[in-house]
């Protein structure tokens, strides 16, 4: 499985989707883009498009997660979790393919 979404992270995705009145037919798209201080940025968006030729779909804790096949090469085995503390809150990424990550945790190099 390319991507794992913890139950805590899935609850936050569903909460965001509900608060912003996004339909349950919206996919949680996980990907990467070039940039950031380490080379690649993680990308999290909602999308209503799914292409069977270029996307993979995973149903994780009630969330339909979609990953394009190019991003899947760099995200194979990644676990997305939700962190919340007094200092910060947000999604975290445990990526076994990352050789180096930045201090904020939103970019990596592979």
PDB file of N, CA and C in Angstrom:
ATOM      1  N   UNK A   1       0.856  -1.184   0.000  1.00  0.00           N
ATOM      2  CA  UNK A   1       0.000   0.000   0.000  1.00  0.00           C
ATOM      3  C   UNK A   1       0.891   1.232   0.000  1.00  0.00           C
ATOM      4  N   UNK A   2       0.635   2.143  -0.893  1.00  0.00           N
ATOM      5  CA  UNK A   2       1.478   3.324  -1.043  1.00  0.00           C
ATOM      6  C   UNK A   2       1.351   4.287   0.123  1.00  0.00           C
ATOM      7  N   UNK A   3       0.146   4.523   0.614  1.00  0.00           N
ATOM      8  CA  UNK A   3      -0.085   5.543   1.629  1.00  0.00           C
ATOM      9  C   UNK A   3      -0.902   4.956   2.764  1.00  0.00           C
ATOM     10  N   UNK A   4      -0.530   5.318   3.985  1.00  0.00           N
ATOM     11  CA  UNK A   4      -1.315   4.942   5.147  1.00  0.00           C
ATOM     12  C   UNK A   4      -1.777   6.224   5.841  1.00  0.00           C
ATOM     13  N   UNK A   5      -3.041   6.271   6.176  1.00  0.00           N
ATOM     14  CA  UNK A   5      -3.638   7.405   6.880  1.00  0.00           C
ATOM     15  C   UNK A   5      -4.094   6.885   8.231  1.00  0.00           C
ATOM     16  N   UNK A   6      -3.568   7.473   9.310  1.00  0.00           N
ATOM     17  CA  UNK A   6      -3.986   7.005  10.631  1.00  0.00           C
ATOM     18  C   UNK A   6      -5.445   7.372  10.872  1.00  0.00           C
ATOM     19  N   UNK A   7      -6.041   6.715  11.841  1.00  0.00           N
ATOM     20  CA  UNK A   7      -7.426   7.010  12.161  1.00  0.00           C
ATOM     21  C   UNK A   7      -7.579   8.455  12.638  1.00  0.00           C
ATOM     22  N   UNK A   8      -6.615   8.952  13.395  1.00  0.00           N
ATOM     23  CA  UNK A   8      -6.648  10.342  13.864  1.00  0.00           C
ATOM     24  C   UNK A   8      -6.604  11.315  12.697  1.00  0.00           C
ATOM     25  N   UNK A   9      -5.740  11.047  11.718  1.00  0.00           N
ATOM     26  CA  UNK A   9      -5.639  11.907  10.536  1.00  0.00           C
ATOM     27  C   UNK A   9      -6.924  11.826   9.716  1.00  0.00           C
ATOM     28  N   UNK A  10      -7.486  10.636   9.586  1.00  0.00           N
ATOM     29  CA  UNK A  10      -8.732  10.468   8.824  1.00  0.00           C
ATOM     30  C   UNK A  10      -9.855  11.288   9.455  1.00  0.00           C
ATOM     31  N   UNK A  11      -9.930  11.302  10.773  1.00  0.00           N
ATOM     32  CA  UNK A  11     -10.962  12.098  11.451  1.00  0.00           C
ATOM     33  C   UNK A  11     -10.800  13.580  11.137  1.00  0.00           C
ATOM     34  N   UNK A  12      -9.574  14.057  11.057  1.00  0.00           N
ATOM     35  CA  UNK A  12      -9.335  15.469  10.728  1.00  0.00           C
ATOM     36  C   UNK A  12      -9.715  15.768   9.285  1.00  0.00           C
ATOM     37  N   UNK A  13      -9.440  14.834   8.383  1.00  0.00           N
ATOM     38  CA  UNK A  13      -9.825  15.009   6.981  1.00  0.00           C
ATOM     39  C   UNK A  13     -11.346  15.120   6.879  1.00  0.00           C
ATOM     40  N   UNK A  14     -12.051  14.221   7.553  1.00  0.00           N
ATOM     41  CA  UNK A  14     -13.523  14.245   7.505  1.00  0.00           C
ATOM     42  C   UNK A  14     -14.072  15.506   8.170  1.00  0.00           C
ATOM     43  N   UNK A  15     -13.447  15.949   9.245  1.00  0.00           N
ATOM     44  CA  UNK A  15     -13.868  17.180   9.931  1.00  0.00           C
ATOM     45  C   UNK A  15     -13.716  18.379   8.995  1.00  0.00           C
ATOM     46  N   UNK A  16     -12.580  18.477   8.323  1.00  0.00           N
ATOM     47  CA  UNK A  16     -12.344  19.576   7.385  1.00  0.00           C
ATOM     48  C   UNK A  16     -13.352  19.538   6.245  1.00  0.00           C
ATOM     49  N   UNK A  17     -13.568  18.340   5.705  1.00  0.00           N
ATOM     50  CA  UNK A  17     -14.520  18.174   4.602  1.00  0.00           C
ATOM     51  C   UNK A  17     -15.919  18.621   5.021  1.00  0.00           C
ATOM     52  N   UNK A  18     -16.331  18.253   6.238  1.00  0.00           N
ATOM     53  CA  UNK A  18     -17.656  18.635   6.736  1.00  0.00           C
ATOM     54  C   UNK A  18     -17.749  20.137   6.995  1.00  0.00           C
ATOM     55  N   UNK A  19     -16.715  20.711   7.629  1.00  0.00           N
ATOM     56  CA  UNK A  19     -16.722  22.143   7.947  1.00  0.00           C
ATOM     57  C   UNK A  19     -16.774  23.005   6.698  1.00  0.00           C
ATOM     58  N   UNK A  20     -16.175  22.533   5.618  1.00  0.00           N
ATOM     59  CA  UNK A  20     -16.137  23.298   4.370  1.00  0.00           C
ATOM     60  C   UNK A  20     -17.197  22.832   3.378  1.00  0.00           C
ATOM     61  N   UNK A  21     -18.103  22.004   3.856  1.00  0.00           N
ATOM     62  CA  UNK A  21     -19.241  21.515   3.080  1.00  0.00           C
ATOM     63  C   UNK A  21     -18.816  20.907   1.743  1.00  0.00           C
ATOM     64  N   UNK A  22     -17.752  20.121   1.802  1.00  0.00           N
ATOM     65  CA  UNK A  22     -17.311  19.382   0.622  1.00  0.00           C
ATOM     66  C   UNK A  22     -18.046  18.057   0.629  1.00  0.00           C
ATOM     67  N   UNK A  23     -18.551  17.651  -0.479  1.00  0.00           N
ATOM     68  CA  UNK A  23     -19.315  16.412  -0.558  1.00  0.00           C
ATOM     69  C   UNK A  23     -18.465  15.193  -0.250  1.00  0.00           C
ATOM     70  N   UNK A  24     -19.124  14.134   0.160  1.00  0.00           N
ATOM     71  CA  UNK A  24     -18.407  12.899   0.454  1.00  0.00           C
ATOM     72  C   UNK A  24     -17.840  12.247  -0.801  1.00  0.00           C
ATOM     73  N   UNK A  25     -18.206  12.774  -1.971  1.00  0.00           N
ATOM     74  CA  UNK A  25     -17.656  12.267  -3.221  1.00  0.00           C
ATOM     75  C   UNK A  25     -16.289  12.883  -3.528  1.00  0.00           C
ATOM     76  N   UNK A  26     -15.838  13.811  -2.681  1.00  0.00           N
ATOM     77  CA  UNK A  26     -14.525  14.432  -2.869  1.00  0.00           C
ATOM     78  C   UNK A  26     -13.437  13.493  -2.345  1.00  0.00           C
ATOM     79  N   UNK A  27     -12.399  13.323  -3.136  1.00  0.00           N
ATOM     80  CA  UNK A  27     -11.259  12.497  -2.758  1.00  0.00           C
ATOM     81  C   UNK A  27     -10.254  13.342  -1.990  1.00  0.00           C
ATOM     82  N   UNK A  28      -9.548  12.730  -1.073  1.00  0.00           N
ATOM     83  CA  UNK A  28      -8.422  13.365  -0.389  1.00  0.00           C
ATOM     84  C   UNK A  28      -7.191  13.001  -1.201  1.00  0.00           C
ATOM     85  N   UNK A  29      -6.684  13.968  -1.962  1.00  0.00           N
ATOM     86  CA  UNK A  29      -5.560  13.715  -2.872  1.00  0.00           C
ATOM     87  C   UNK A  29      -4.245  14.011  -2.169  1.00  0.00           C
ATOM     88  N   UNK A  30      -3.376  13.010  -2.163  1.00  0.00           N
ATOM     89  CA  UNK A  30      -2.050  13.122  -1.567  1.00  0.00           C
ATOM     90  C   UNK A  30      -1.040  13.055  -2.693  1.00  0.00           C
ATOM     91  N   UNK A  31      -0.096  13.980  -2.703  1.00  0.00           N
ATOM     92  CA  UNK A  31       0.902  13.984  -3.753  1.00  0.00           C
ATOM     93  C   UNK A  31       2.158  14.712  -3.321  1.00  0.00           C
ATOM     94  N   UNK A  32       3.027  14.910  -4.280  1.00  0.00           N
ATOM     95  CA  UNK A  32       4.243  15.678  -4.054  1.00  0.00           C
ATOM     96  C   UNK A  32       4.396  16.681  -5.182  1.00  0.00           C
ATOM     97  N   UNK A  33       5.152  17.721  -4.892  1.00  0.00           N
ATOM     98  CA  UNK A  33       5.510  18.697  -5.922  1.00  0.00           C
ATOM     99  C   UNK A  33       6.946  19.118  -5.668  1.00  0.00           C
ATOM    100  N   UNK A  34       7.609  19.587  -6.707  1.00  0.00           N
ATOM    101  CA  UNK A  34       8.976  20.049  -6.559  1.00  0.00           C
ATOM    102  C   UNK A  34       9.015  21.331  -5.750  1.00  0.00           C
ATOM    103  N   UNK A  35      10.045  21.471  -4.932  1.00  0.00           N
ATOM    104  CA  UNK A  35      10.209  22.685  -4.144  1.00  0.00           C
ATOM    105  C   UNK A  35      10.471  22.385  -2.695  1.00  0.00           C
ATOM    106  N   UNK A  36      10.376  23.414  -1.881  1.00  0.00           N
ATOM    107  CA  UNK A  36      10.657  23.248  -0.464  1.00  0.00           C
ATOM    108  C   UNK A  36      12.145  23.259  -0.208  1.00  0.00           C
ATOM    109  N   UNK A  37      12.513  23.289   1.029  1.00  0.00           N
ATOM    110  CA  UNK A  37      13.935  23.373   1.361  1.00  0.00           C
ATOM    111  C   UNK A  37      14.673  22.049   1.176  1.00  0.00           C
ATOM    112  N   UNK A  38      13.948  20.956   1.007  1.00  0.00           N
ATOM    113  CA  UNK A  38      14.613  19.663   0.852  1.00  0.00           C
ATOM    114  C   UNK A  38      14.411  19.032  -0.521  1.00  0.00           C
ATOM    115  N   UNK A  39      13.629  19.636  -1.400  1.00  0.00           N
ATOM    116  CA  UNK A  39      13.481  19.117  -2.759  1.00  0.00           C
ATOM    117  C   UNK A  39      12.059  18.824  -3.187  1.00  0.00           C
ATOM    118  N   UNK A  40      11.259  18.193  -2.327  1.00  0.00           N
ATOM    119  CA  UNK A  40       9.866  17.889  -2.627  1.00  0.00           C
ATOM    120  C   UNK A  40       8.980  18.383  -1.492  1.00  0.00           C
ATOM    121  N   UNK A  41       7.818  18.898  -1.842  1.00  0.00           N
ATOM    122  CA  UNK A  41       6.798  19.270  -0.859  1.00  0.00           C
ATOM    123  C   UNK A  41       5.692  18.232  -0.898  1.00  0.00           C
ATOM    124  N   UNK A  42       5.123  17.964   0.268  1.00  0.00           N
ATOM    125  CA  UNK A  42       3.921  17.149   0.315  1.00  0.00           C
ATOM    126  C   UNK A  42       2.746  18.023  -0.094  1.00  0.00           C
ATOM    127  N   UNK A  43       1.806  17.428  -0.785  1.00  0.00           N
ATOM    128  CA  UNK A  43       0.626  18.150  -1.251  1.00  0.00           C
ATOM    129  C   UNK A  43      -0.624  17.398  -0.785  1.00  0.00           C
ATOM    130  N   UNK A  44      -1.509  18.111  -0.077  1.00  0.00           N
ATOM    131  CA  UNK A  44      -2.773  17.553   0.389  1.00  0.00           C
ATOM    132  C   UNK A  44      -3.889  18.452  -0.107  1.00  0.00           C
ATOM    133  N   UNK A  45      -4.789  17.898  -0.904  1.00  0.00           N
ATOM    134  CA  UNK A  45      -5.900  18.669  -1.438  1.00  0.00           C
ATOM    135  C   UNK A  45      -7.141  17.785  -1.511  1.00  0.00           C
ATOM    136  N   UNK A  46      -8.259  18.413  -1.808  1.00  0.00           N
ATOM    137  CA  UNK A  46      -9.474  17.675  -2.115  1.00  0.00           C
ATOM    138  C   UNK A  46      -9.713  17.785  -3.605  1.00  0.00           C
ATOM    139  N   UNK A  47     -10.210  16.717  -4.193  1.00  0.00           N
ATOM    140  CA  UNK A  47     -10.371  16.661  -5.642  1.00  0.00           C
ATOM    141  C   UNK A  47     -11.573  15.774  -5.964  1.00  0.00           C
ATOM    142  N   UNK A  48     -12.278  16.123  -7.023  1.00  0.00           N
ATOM    143  CA  UNK A  48     -13.397  15.282  -7.451  1.00  0.00           C
ATOM    144  C   UNK A  48     -13.043  14.474  -8.699  1.00  0.00           C
ATOM    145  N   UNK A  49     -11.785  14.552  -9.137  1.00  0.00           N
ATOM    146  CA  UNK A  49     -11.333  13.846 -10.333  1.00  0.00           C
ATOM    147  C   UNK A  49     -10.536  12.606  -9.942  1.00  0.00           C
ATOM    148  N   UNK A  50     -10.797  11.524 -10.634  1.00  0.00           N
ATOM    149  CA  UNK A  50     -10.053  10.287 -10.446  1.00  0.00           C
ATOM    150  C   UNK A  50      -9.878   9.636 -11.806  1.00  0.00           C
ATOM    151  N   UNK A  51      -8.635   9.354 -12.167  1.00  0.00           N
ATOM    152  CA  UNK A  51      -8.318   8.738 -13.452  1.00  0.00           C
ATOM    153  C   UNK A  51      -7.703   7.365 -13.185  1.00  0.00           C
ATOM    154  N   UNK A  52      -8.400   6.321 -13.573  1.00  0.00           N
ATOM    155  CA  UNK A  52      -7.923   4.967 -13.291  1.00  0.00           C
ATOM    156  C   UNK A  52      -6.569   4.674 -13.942  1.00  0.00           C
ATOM    157  N   UNK A  53      -6.232   5.389 -15.003  1.00  0.00           N
ATOM    158  CA  UNK A  53      -4.956   5.158 -15.675  1.00  0.00           C
ATOM    159  C   UNK A  53      -3.785   5.796 -14.936  1.00  0.00           C
ATOM    160  N   UNK A  54      -4.016   6.913 -14.237  1.00  0.00           N
ATOM    161  CA  UNK A  54      -2.892   7.609 -13.608  1.00  0.00           C
ATOM    162  C   UNK A  54      -2.994   7.757 -12.098  1.00  0.00           C
ATOM    163  N   UNK A  55      -4.077   7.277 -11.485  1.00  0.00           N
ATOM    164  CA  UNK A  55      -4.270   7.410 -10.045  1.00  0.00           C
ATOM    165  C   UNK A  55      -4.497   6.050  -9.394  1.00  0.00           C
ATOM    166  N   UNK A  56      -4.120   5.969  -8.134  1.00  0.00           N
ATOM    167  CA  UNK A  56      -4.467   4.822  -7.293  1.00  0.00           C
ATOM    168  C   UNK A  56      -5.384   5.329  -6.195  1.00  0.00           C
ATOM    169  N   UNK A  57      -6.334   4.491  -5.785  1.00  0.00           N
ATOM    170  CA  UNK A  57      -7.292   4.880  -4.754  1.00  0.00           C
ATOM    171  C   UNK A  57      -7.221   3.900  -3.589  1.00  0.00           C
ATOM    172  N   UNK A  58      -7.275   4.445  -2.389  1.00  0.00           N
ATOM    173  CA  UNK A  58      -7.262   3.652  -1.168  1.00  0.00           C
ATOM    174  C   UNK A  58      -8.391   4.147  -0.277  1.00  0.00           C
ATOM    175  N   UNK A  59      -9.127   3.249   0.319  1.00  0.00           N
ATOM    176  CA  UNK A  59     -10.161   3.625   1.278  1.00  0.00           C
ATOM    177  C   UNK A  59      -9.609   3.348   2.669  1.00  0.00           C
ATOM    178  N   UNK A  60      -9.339   4.430   3.412  1.00  0.00           N
ATOM    179  CA  UNK A  60      -8.678   4.330   4.700  1.00  0.00           C
ATOM    180  C   UNK A  60      -9.502   5.027   5.780  1.00  0.00           C
ATOM    181  N   UNK A  61     -10.034   4.251   6.692  1.00  0.00           N
ATOM    182  CA  UNK A  61     -10.811   4.787   7.827  1.00  0.00           C
ATOM    183  C   UNK A  61     -11.942   5.700   7.361  1.00  0.00           C
ATOM    184  N   UNK A  62     -12.598   5.328   6.274  1.00  0.00           N
ATOM    185  CA  UNK A  62     -13.725   6.097   5.774  1.00  0.00           C
ATOM    186  C   UNK A  62     -13.364   7.254   4.855  1.00  0.00           C
ATOM    187  N   UNK A  63     -12.094   7.376   4.507  1.00  0.00           N
ATOM    188  CA  UNK A  63     -11.637   8.450   3.620  1.00  0.00           C
ATOM    189  C   UNK A  63     -11.121   7.826   2.325  1.00  0.00           C
ATOM    190  N   UNK A  64     -11.604   8.334   1.192  1.00  0.00           N
ATOM    191  CA  UNK A  64     -11.103   7.905  -0.113  1.00  0.00           C
ATOM    192  C   UNK A  64      -9.847   8.717  -0.419  1.00  0.00           C
ATOM    193  N   UNK A  65      -8.702   8.046  -0.395  1.00  0.00           N
ATOM    194  CA  UNK A  65      -7.408   8.689  -0.630  1.00  0.00           C
ATOM    195  C   UNK A  65      -6.967   8.360  -2.046  1.00  0.00           C
ATOM    196  N   UNK A  66      -6.562   9.377  -2.793  1.00  0.00           N
ATOM    197  CA  UNK A  66      -6.111   9.209  -4.167  1.00  0.00           C
ATOM    198  C   UNK A  66      -4.670   9.712  -4.283  1.00  0.00           C
ATOM    199  N   UNK A  67      -3.837   8.923  -4.946  1.00  0.00           N
ATOM    200  CA  UNK A  67      -2.430   9.268  -5.153  1.00  0.00           C
ATOM    201  C   UNK A  67      -2.116   9.061  -6.624  1.00  0.00           C
ATOM    202  N   UNK A  68      -1.529  10.070  -7.262  1.00  0.00           N
ATOM    203  CA  UNK A  68      -1.120   9.880  -8.654  1.00  0.00           C
ATOM    204  C   UNK A  68       0.104   8.970  -8.671  1.00  0.00           C
ATOM    205  N   UNK A  69       0.278   8.245  -9.770  1.00  0.00           N
ATOM    206  CA  UNK A  69       1.307   7.203  -9.822  1.00  0.00           C
ATOM    207  C   UNK A  69       2.722   7.761  -9.731  1.00  0.00           C
ATOM    208  N   UNK A  70       2.961   8.970 -10.199  1.00  0.00           N
ATOM    209  CA  UNK A  70       4.286   9.570 -10.077  1.00  0.00           C
ATOM    210  C   UNK A  70       4.605   9.832  -8.606  1.00  0.00           C
ATOM    211  N   UNK A  71       3.658  10.410  -7.890  1.00  0.00           N
ATOM    212  CA  UNK A  71       3.865  10.682  -6.465  1.00  0.00           C
ATOM    213  C   UNK A  71       4.004   9.393  -5.670  1.00  0.00           C
ATOM    214  N   UNK A  72       3.277   8.350  -6.092  1.00  0.00           N
ATOM    215  CA  UNK A  72       3.304   7.080  -5.365  1.00  0.00           C
ATOM    216  C   UNK A  72       4.713   6.497  -5.282  1.00  0.00           C
ATOM    217  N   UNK A  73       5.550   6.786  -6.267  1.00  0.00           N
ATOM    218  CA  UNK A  73       6.933   6.294  -6.238  1.00  0.00           C
ATOM    219  C   UNK A  73       7.677   6.827  -5.024  1.00  0.00           C
ATOM    220  N   UNK A  74       7.376   8.054  -4.610  1.00  0.00           N
ATOM    221  CA  UNK A  74       8.058   8.696  -3.494  1.00  0.00           C
ATOM    222  C   UNK A  74       7.290   8.549  -2.175  1.00  0.00           C
ATOM    223  N   UNK A  75       6.041   8.124  -2.260  1.00  0.00           N
ATOM    224  CA  UNK A  75       5.196   8.033  -1.074  1.00  0.00           C
ATOM    225  C   UNK A  75       4.916   6.598  -0.638  1.00  0.00           C
ATOM    226  N   UNK A  76       5.545   5.639  -1.274  1.00  0.00           N
ATOM    227  CA  UNK A  76       5.296   4.249  -0.931  1.00  0.00           C
ATOM    228  C   UNK A  76       5.684   3.990   0.524  1.00  0.00           C
ATOM    229  N   UNK A  77       4.708   3.625   1.339  1.00  0.00           N
ATOM    230  CA  UNK A  77       4.962   3.341   2.743  1.00  0.00           C
ATOM    231  C   UNK A  77       4.820   4.524   3.678  1.00  0.00           C
ATOM    232  N   UNK A  78       4.486   5.707   3.150  1.00  0.00           N
ATOM    233  CA  UNK A  78       4.357   6.889   4.005  1.00  0.00           C
ATOM    234  C   UNK A  78       3.137   6.746   4.918  1.00  0.00           C
ATOM    235  N   UNK A  79       3.284   7.207   6.154  1.00  0.00           N
ATOM    236  CA  UNK A  79       2.166   7.267   7.093  1.00  0.00           C
ATOM    237  C   UNK A  79       1.868   8.731   7.379  1.00  0.00           C
ATOM    238  N   UNK A  80       0.622   9.107   7.149  1.00  0.00           N
ATOM    239  CA  UNK A  80       0.178  10.474   7.427  1.00  0.00           C
ATOM    240  C   UNK A  80      -0.602  10.435   8.734  1.00  0.00           C
ATOM    241  N   UNK A  81      -0.186  11.263   9.659  1.00  0.00           N
ATOM    242  CA  UNK A  81      -0.828  11.324  10.970  1.00  0.00           C
ATOM    243  C   UNK A  81      -1.214  12.766  11.253  1.00  0.00           C
ATOM    244  N   UNK A  82      -1.907  12.980  12.346  1.00  0.00           N
ATOM    245  CA  UNK A  82      -2.308  14.316  12.779  1.00  0.00           C
ATOM    246  C   UNK A  82      -1.667  14.572  14.125  1.00  0.00           C
ATOM    247  N   UNK A  83      -0.991  15.718  14.238  1.00  0.00           N
ATOM    248  CA  UNK A  83      -0.348  16.111  15.492  1.00  0.00           C
ATOM    249  C   UNK A  83      -1.025  17.368  16.010  1.00  0.00           C
ATOM    250  N   UNK A  84      -1.305  17.377  17.289  1.00  0.00           N
ATOM    251  CA  UNK A  84      -1.888  18.571  17.889  1.00  0.00           C
ATOM    252  C   UNK A  84      -1.267  18.784  19.256  1.00  0.00           C
ATOM    253  N   UNK A  85      -0.727  19.982  19.448  1.00  0.00           N
ATOM    254  CA  UNK A  85      -0.163  20.360  20.733  1.00  0.00           C
ATOM    255  C   UNK A  85      -0.430  21.844  20.937  1.00  0.00           C
ATOM    256  N   UNK A  86       0.009  22.367  22.035  1.00  0.00           N
ATOM    257  CA  UNK A  86      -0.154  23.799  22.297  1.00  0.00           C
ATOM    258  C   UNK A  86       0.640  24.643  21.307  1.00  0.00           C
ATOM    259  N   UNK A  87       1.736  24.100  20.810  1.00  0.00           N
ATOM    260  CA  UNK A  87       2.620  24.847  19.926  1.00  0.00           C
ATOM    261  C   UNK A  87       2.207  24.814  18.461  1.00  0.00           C
ATOM    262  N   UNK A  88       1.688  23.671  18.027  1.00  0.00           N
ATOM    263  CA  UNK A  88       1.320  23.561  16.611  1.00  0.00           C
ATOM    264  C   UNK A  88       0.352  22.412  16.415  1.00  0.00           C
ATOM    265  N   UNK A  89      -0.300  22.451  15.276  1.00  0.00           N
ATOM    266  CA  UNK A  89      -1.151  21.333  14.874  1.00  0.00           C
ATOM    267  C   UNK A  89      -1.052  21.178  13.369  1.00  0.00           C
ATOM    268  N   UNK A  90      -1.231  19.965  12.911  1.00  0.00           N
ATOM    269  CA  UNK A  90      -1.208  19.716  11.474  1.00  0.00           C
ATOM    270  C   UNK A  90      -0.854  18.285  11.161  1.00  0.00           C
ATOM    271  N   UNK A  91      -0.843  17.991   9.883  1.00  0.00           N
ATOM    272  CA  UNK A  91      -0.505  16.659   9.426  1.00  0.00           C
ATOM    273  C   UNK A  91       0.998  16.449   9.516  1.00  0.00           C
ATOM    274  N   UNK A  92       1.381  15.237   9.850  1.00  0.00           N
ATOM    275  CA  UNK A  92       2.791  14.862   9.884  1.00  0.00           C
ATOM    276  C   UNK A  92       2.990  13.694   8.928  1.00  0.00           C
ATOM    277  N   UNK A  93       4.209  13.543   8.460  1.00  0.00           N
ATOM    278  CA  UNK A  93       4.532  12.520   7.468  1.00  0.00           C
ATOM    279  C   UNK A  93       5.707  11.689   7.955  1.00  0.00           C
ATOM    280  N   UNK A  94       5.514  10.395   8.020  1.00  0.00           N
ATOM    281  CA  UNK A  94       6.593   9.467   8.319  1.00  0.00           C
ATOM    282  C   UNK A  94       6.867   8.722   7.019  1.00  0.00           C
ATOM    283  N   UNK A  95       7.888   9.187   6.311  1.00  0.00           N
ATOM    284  CA  UNK A  95       8.163   8.679   4.975  1.00  0.00           C
ATOM    285  C   UNK A  95       9.453   7.860   4.979  1.00  0.00           C
ATOM    286  N   UNK A  96       9.358   6.539   4.820  1.00  0.00           N
ATOM    287  CA  UNK A  96      10.566   5.709   4.825  1.00  0.00           C
ATOM    288  C   UNK A  96      11.478   5.960   3.625  1.00  0.00           C
ATOM    289  N   UNK A  97      10.991   6.659   2.601  1.00  0.00           N
ATOM    290  CA  UNK A  97      11.788   6.951   1.411  1.00  0.00           C
ATOM    291  C   UNK A  97      12.577   8.244   1.542  1.00  0.00           C
ATOM    292  N   UNK A  98      12.294   9.037   2.554  1.00  0.00           N
ATOM    293  CA  UNK A  98      12.951  10.328   2.714  1.00  0.00           C
ATOM    294  C   UNK A  98      14.378  10.134   3.211  1.00  0.00           C
ATOM    295  N   UNK A  99      15.318  10.687   2.466  1.00  0.00           N
ATOM    296  CA  UNK A  99      16.716  10.660   2.861  1.00  0.00           C
ATOM    297  C   UNK A  99      16.992  11.821   3.805  1.00  0.00           C
ATOM    298  N   UNK A 100      16.301  12.939   3.555  1.00  0.00           N
ATOM    299  CA  UNK A 100      16.479  14.153   4.357  1.00  0.00           C
ATOM    300  C   UNK A 100      15.142  14.858   4.431  1.00  0.00           C
ATOM    301  N   UNK A 101      14.831  15.437   5.570  1.00  0.00           N
ATOM    302  CA  UNK A 101      13.601  16.224   5.719  1.00  0.00           C
ATOM    303  C   UNK A 101      13.966  17.588   6.265  1.00  0.00           C
ATOM    304  N   UNK A 102      13.057  18.548   6.054  1.00  0.00           N
ATOM    305  CA  UNK A 102      13.300  19.887   6.587  1.00  0.00           C
ATOM    306  C   UNK A 102      12.795  19.946   8.024  1.00  0.00           C
ATOM    307  N   UNK A 103      13.127  21.012   8.717  1.00  0.00           N
ATOM    308  CA  UNK A 103      12.745  21.179  10.107  1.00  0.00           C
ATOM    309  C   UNK A 103      11.244  21.242  10.322  1.00  0.00           C
ATOM    310  N   UNK A 104      10.512  21.820   9.374  1.00  0.00           N
ATOM    311  CA  UNK A 104       9.058  21.942   9.551  1.00  0.00           C
ATOM    312  C   UNK A 104       8.332  20.659   9.179  1.00  0.00           C
ATOM    313  N   UNK A 105       9.004  19.735   8.489  1.00  0.00           N
ATOM    314  CA  UNK A 105       8.404  18.451   8.155  1.00  0.00           C
ATOM    315  C   UNK A 105       7.536  18.455   6.911  1.00  0.00           C
ATOM    316  N   UNK A 106       7.514  19.565   6.166  1.00  0.00           N
ATOM    317  CA  UNK A 106       6.637  19.612   4.995  1.00  0.00           C
ATOM    318  C   UNK A 106       7.380  19.366   3.684  1.00  0.00           C
ATOM    319  N   UNK A 107       8.686  19.157   3.744  1.00  0.00           N
ATOM    320  CA  UNK A 107       9.412  18.816   2.520  1.00  0.00           C
ATOM    321  C   UNK A 107      10.454  17.742   2.822  1.00  0.00           C
ATOM    322  N   UNK A 108      10.896  17.071   1.747  1.00  0.00           N
ATOM    323  CA  UNK A 108      11.857  15.975   1.906  1.00  0.00           C
ATOM    324  C   UNK A 108      12.636  15.791   0.621  1.00  0.00           C
ATOM    325  N   UNK A 109      13.720  15.027   0.716  1.00  0.00           N
ATOM    326  CA  UNK A 109      14.417  14.592  -0.482  1.00  0.00           C
ATOM    327  C   UNK A 109      14.509  13.069  -0.419  1.00  0.00           C
ATOM    328  N   UNK A 110      14.511  12.473  -1.597  1.00  0.00           N
ATOM    329  CA  UNK A 110      14.525  11.009  -1.658  1.00  0.00           C
ATOM    330  C   UNK A 110      15.736  10.528  -2.428  1.00  0.00           C
TER     331      UNK A 110
END
